[in-house]
C-alpha atoms as a PDB file:
ATOM      1  CA  UNK A   1    -111.390 123.376 103.555  1.00  0.00           C
ATOM      2  CA  UNK A   2    -112.431 121.168 100.755  1.00  0.00           C
ATOM      3  CA  UNK A   3    -111.663 121.725  96.949  1.00  0.00           C
ATOM      4  CA  UNK A   4    -113.764 124.318  95.169  1.00  0.00           C
ATOM      5  CA  UNK A   5    -115.078 121.833  92.689  1.00  0.00           C
ATOM      6  CA  UNK A   6    -115.717 118.088  92.482  1.00  0.00           C
ATOM      7  CA  UNK A   7    -114.244 117.725  89.193  1.00  0.00           C
ATOM      8  CA  UNK A   8    -111.407 119.838  87.710  1.00  0.00           C
ATOM      9  CA  UNK A   9    -110.385 120.728  84.135  1.00  0.00           C
ATOM     10  CA  UNK A  10    -107.766 122.814  82.396  1.00  0.00           C
ATOM     11  CA  UNK A  11    -109.159 125.023  79.682  1.00  0.00           C
ATOM     12  CA  UNK A  12    -107.981 127.382  77.309  1.00  0.00           C
ATOM     13  CA  UNK A  13    -107.996 130.709  79.230  1.00  0.00           C
ATOM     14  CA  UNK A  14    -110.390 133.037  77.504  1.00  0.00           C
ATOM     15  CA  UNK A  15    -108.393 136.029  78.676  1.00  0.00           C
ATOM     16  CA  UNK A  16    -105.226 134.871  76.832  1.00  0.00           C
ATOM     17  CA  UNK A  17    -106.386 132.220  74.440  1.00  0.00           C
ATOM     18  CA  UNK A  18    -105.080 129.808  73.153  1.00  0.00           C
ATOM     19  CA  UNK A  19    -101.667 130.606  74.852  1.00  0.00           C
ATOM     20  CA  UNK A  20    -102.702 130.261  78.360  1.00  0.00           C
ATOM     21  CA  UNK A  21    -104.769 127.630  80.514  1.00  0.00           C
ATOM     22  CA  UNK A  22    -107.209 128.023  83.357  1.00  0.00           C
ATOM     23  CA  UNK A  23    -108.682 125.857  86.109  1.00  0.00           C
ATOM     24  CA  UNK A  24    -112.608 125.124  85.674  1.00  0.00           C
ATOM     25  CA  UNK A  25    -114.676 122.885  87.297  1.00  0.00           C
ATOM     26  CA  UNK A  26    -118.022 121.144  88.326  1.00  0.00           C
ATOM     27  CA  UNK A  27    -119.451 122.391  91.455  1.00  0.00           C
ATOM     28  CA  UNK A  28    -120.061 119.516  94.065  1.00  0.00           C
ATOM     29  CA  UNK A  29    -123.652 120.667  94.163  1.00  0.00           C
ATOM     30  CA  UNK A  30    -124.232 120.189  90.505  1.00  0.00           C
ATOM     31  CA  UNK A  31    -122.707 116.901  90.410  1.00  0.00           C
ATOM     32  CA  UNK A  32    -124.533 115.435  93.505  1.00  0.00           C
ATOM     33  CA  UNK A  33    -127.686 116.821  91.684  1.00  0.00           C
ATOM     34  CA  UNK A  34    -126.831 114.772  88.494  1.00  0.00           C
ATOM     35  CA  UNK A  35    -126.492 111.758  90.714  1.00  0.00           C
ATOM     36  CA  UNK A  36    -129.499 112.137  93.072  1.00  0.00           C
ATOM     37  CA  UNK A  37    -131.868 112.644  90.159  1.00  0.00           C
ATOM     38  CA  UNK A  38    -130.198 109.603  88.055  1.00  0.00           C
ATOM     39  CA  UNK A  39    -128.825 111.621  85.189  1.00  0.00           C
ATOM     40  CA  UNK A  40    -126.345 108.879  84.363  1.00  0.00           C
ATOM     41  CA  UNK A  41    -126.152 110.190  80.712  1.00  0.00           C
ATOM     42  CA  UNK A  42    -125.180 113.690  82.007  1.00  0.00           C
ATOM     43  CA  UNK A  43    -122.317 112.185  84.201  1.00  0.00           C
ATOM     44  CA  UNK A  44    -121.089 110.253  81.498  1.00  0.00           C
ATOM     45  CA  UNK A  45    -120.890 113.251  79.345  1.00  0.00           C
ATOM     46  CA  UNK A  46    -118.373 114.436  81.731  1.00  0.00           C
ATOM     47  CA  UNK A  47    -115.918 112.558  79.539  1.00  0.00           C
ATOM     48  CA  UNK A  48    -116.711 114.672  76.784  1.00  0.00           C
ATOM     49  CA  UNK A  49    -116.255 117.871  78.804  1.00  0.00           C
ATOM     50  CA  UNK A  50    -112.732 116.283  79.556  1.00  0.00           C
ATOM     51  CA  UNK A  51    -112.199 115.852  75.650  1.00  0.00           C
ATOM     52  CA  UNK A  52    -113.365 119.040  74.604  1.00  0.00           C
ATOM     53  CA  UNK A  53    -111.555 121.011  77.053  1.00  0.00           C
ATOM     54  CA  UNK A  54    -108.408 119.308  77.638  1.00  0.00           C
ATOM     55  CA  UNK A  55    -107.384 117.324  74.455  1.00  0.00           C
ATOM     56  CA  UNK A  56    -105.337 118.972  71.947  1.00  0.00           C
ATOM     57  CA  UNK A  57    -107.910 120.406  69.209  1.00  0.00           C
ATOM     58  CA  UNK A  58    -110.918 119.658  71.408  1.00  0.00           C
ATOM     59  CA  UNK A  59    -112.140 123.235  71.720  1.00  0.00           C
ATOM     60  CA  UNK A  60    -113.104 124.384  68.211  1.00  0.00           C
ATOM     61  CA  UNK A  61    -114.493 127.707  69.469  1.00  0.00           C
ATOM     62  CA  UNK A  62    -114.856 129.766  72.530  1.00  0.00           C
ATOM     63  CA  UNK A  63    -117.750 132.343  72.892  1.00  0.00           C
ATOM     64  CA  UNK A  64    -118.002 135.062  75.690  1.00  0.00           C
ATOM     65  CA  UNK A  65    -121.624 135.687  76.918  1.00  0.00           C
ATOM     66  CA  UNK A  66    -124.553 133.534  75.826  1.00  0.00           C
ATOM     67  CA  UNK A  67    -128.356 133.841  75.532  1.00  0.00           C
ATOM     68  CA  UNK A  68    -129.284 133.155  79.207  1.00  0.00           C
ATOM     69  CA  UNK A  69    -130.348 135.926  80.979  1.00  0.00           C
ATOM     70  CA  UNK A  70    -128.403 136.945  84.099  1.00  0.00           C
ATOM     71  CA  UNK A  71    -125.707 134.919  83.004  1.00  0.00           C
ATOM     72  CA  UNK A  72    -124.014 137.598  80.455  1.00  0.00           C
ATOM     73  CA  UNK A  73    -120.519 137.317  82.233  1.00  0.00           C
ATOM     74  CA  UNK A  74    -119.647 133.823  81.113  1.00  0.00           C
ATOM     75  CA  UNK A  75    -118.030 131.637  78.300  1.00  0.00           C
ATOM     76  CA  UNK A  76    -119.171 128.717  76.031  1.00  0.00           C
ATOM     77  CA  UNK A  77    -116.598 126.372  74.947  1.00  0.00           C
ATOM     78  CA  UNK A  78    -117.619 124.467  71.751  1.00  0.00           C
ATOM     79  CA  UNK A  79    -116.321 121.142  70.477  1.00  0.00           C
ATOM     80  CA  UNK A  80    -117.100 118.260  68.246  1.00  0.00           C
ATOM     81  CA  UNK A  81    -116.566 114.924  69.970  1.00  0.00           C
ATOM     82  CA  UNK A  82    -116.235 111.798  67.882  1.00  0.00           C
ATOM     83  CA  UNK A  83    -118.568 109.934  70.435  1.00  0.00           C
ATOM     84  CA  UNK A  84    -121.578 110.364  72.834  1.00  0.00           C
ATOM     85  CA  UNK A  85    -122.385 108.626  75.904  1.00  0.00           C
ATOM     86  CA  UNK A  86    -125.915 107.315  76.605  1.00  0.00           C
ATOM     87  CA  UNK A  87    -124.865 106.207  80.024  1.00  0.00           C
ATOM     88  CA  UNK A  88    -121.867 105.418  82.129  1.00  0.00           C
ATOM     89  CA  UNK A  89    -121.241 102.197  80.145  1.00  0.00           C
ATOM     90  CA  UNK A  90    -123.066 102.815  76.613  1.00  0.00           C
ATOM     91  CA  UNK A  91    -121.124 104.632  74.071  1.00  0.00           C
ATOM     92  CA  UNK A  92    -122.268 105.773  70.864  1.00  0.00           C
ATOM     93  CA  UNK A  93    -121.263 107.671  67.730  1.00  0.00           C
ATOM     94  CA  UNK A  94    -122.234 111.588  67.932  1.00  0.00           C
ATOM     95  CA  UNK A  95    -125.663 112.477  66.793  1.00  0.00           C
ATOM     96  CA  UNK A  96    -125.378 114.063  63.414  1.00  0.00           C
ATOM     97  CA  UNK A  97    -125.643 117.741  63.046  1.00  0.00           C
ATOM     98  CA  UNK A  98    -124.822 118.189  66.734  1.00  0.00           C
ATOM     99  CA  UNK A  99    -121.988 119.961  68.566  1.00  0.00           C
ATOM    100  CA  UNK A 100    -121.032 120.050  72.320  1.00  0.00           C
ATOM    101  CA  UNK A 101    -121.257 123.005  74.359  1.00  0.00           C
ATOM    102  CA  UNK A 102    -119.770 123.616  77.897  1.00  0.00           C
ATOM    103  CA  UNK A 103    -120.899 126.706  79.751  1.00  0.00           C
ATOM    104  CA  UNK A 104    -118.364 128.120  82.265  1.00  0.00           C
ATOM    105  CA  UNK A 105    -119.076 131.272  84.574  1.00  0.00           C
ATOM    106  CA  UNK A 106    -116.472 133.793  84.817  1.00  0.00           C
ATOM    107  CA  UNK A 107    -115.128 132.411  88.132  1.00  0.00           C
ATOM    108  CA  UNK A 108    -114.372 129.105  86.235  1.00  0.00           C
ATOM    109  CA  UNK A 109    -117.629 127.118  87.535  1.00  0.00           C
ATOM    110  CA  UNK A 110    -118.913 125.014  84.839  1.00  0.00           C
ATOM    111  CA  UNK A 111    -122.527 125.701  84.744  1.00  0.00           C
ATOM    112  CA  UNK A 112    -123.686 123.061  82.226  1.00  0.00           C
ATOM    113  CA  UNK A 113    -122.756 120.959  79.335  1.00  0.00           C
ATOM    114  CA  UNK A 114    -125.174 119.645  76.477  1.00  0.00           C
ATOM    115  CA  UNK A 115    -125.387 118.696  72.802  1.00  0.00           C
ATOM    116  CA  UNK A 116    -127.025 121.324  70.670  1.00  0.00           C
ATOM    117  CA  UNK A 117    -127.765 121.670  67.047  1.00  0.00           C
ATOM    118  CA  UNK A 118    -125.091 123.318  64.821  1.00  0.00           C
ATOM    119  CA  UNK A 119    -126.165 125.927  62.452  1.00  0.00           C
ATOM    120  CA  UNK A 120    -126.812 124.511  58.891  1.00  0.00           C
ATOM    121  CA  UNK A 121    -124.363 127.084  57.260  1.00  0.00           C
ATOM    122  CA  UNK A 122    -121.777 126.515  59.914  1.00  0.00           C
ATOM    123  CA  UNK A 123    -120.676 123.197  61.554  1.00  0.00           C
ATOM    124  CA  UNK A 124    -119.210 124.705  64.478  1.00  0.00           C
ATOM    125  CA  UNK A 125    -121.452 127.349  64.879  1.00  0.00           C
ATOM    126  CA  UNK A 126    -124.085 126.610  67.858  1.00  0.00           C
ATOM    127  CA  UNK A 127    -127.821 127.458  67.049  1.00  0.00           C
ATOM    128  CA  UNK A 128    -129.063 129.881  69.961  1.00  0.00           C
ATOM    129  CA  UNK A 129    -125.738 131.016  71.145  1.00  0.00           C
ATOM    130  CA  UNK A 130    -125.684 134.865  70.902  1.00  0.00           C
ATOM    131  CA  UNK A 131    -122.367 135.445  72.525  1.00  0.00           C
ATOM    132  CA  UNK A 132    -119.270 137.217  70.809  1.00  0.00           C
ATOM    133  CA  UNK A 133    -116.769 134.629  69.217  1.00  0.00           C
ATOM    134  CA  UNK A 134    -113.467 135.414  70.991  1.00  0.00           C
ATOM    135  CA  UNK A 135    -111.297 132.547  69.649  1.00  0.00           C
ATOM    136  CA  UNK A 136    -111.692 129.737  67.320  1.00  0.00           C
ATOM    137  CA  UNK A 137    -109.188 126.678  66.376  1.00  0.00           C
ATOM    138  CA  UNK A 138    -108.990 127.419  62.622  1.00  0.00           C
ATOM    139  CA  UNK A 139    -107.620 130.901  63.262  1.00  0.00           C
ATOM    140  CA  UNK A 140    -105.016 129.806  65.850  1.00  0.00           C
END
């Protein structure tokens, strides 16, 4: 029997933030889809997923639920990496006014990761995420 995920990370456990950690990961089908369709930028941004989920201070906020129908039982990890990747070999500064989001289902499966605009009045608040804030770094 193979591993559950192609790539695994240790993230803040939403059930006991920030004291506990839990394993989350990218499913093999999603990883292969990114490869097959030539989404090199998305694969390169797995480095940002690592930075946000595992590095000290990488996760700035953690939300429960988000505005995607049928996926209310999930989490959104929010971070502000100090770089971006256009490909596996091209590193750039992060786009201004953007934050990095990682969408994790309740079983730990990473469903997606992307840059999104921050709210103008809240640099760590993502536009379009309607979930409940369950943890933030500055209140830890």
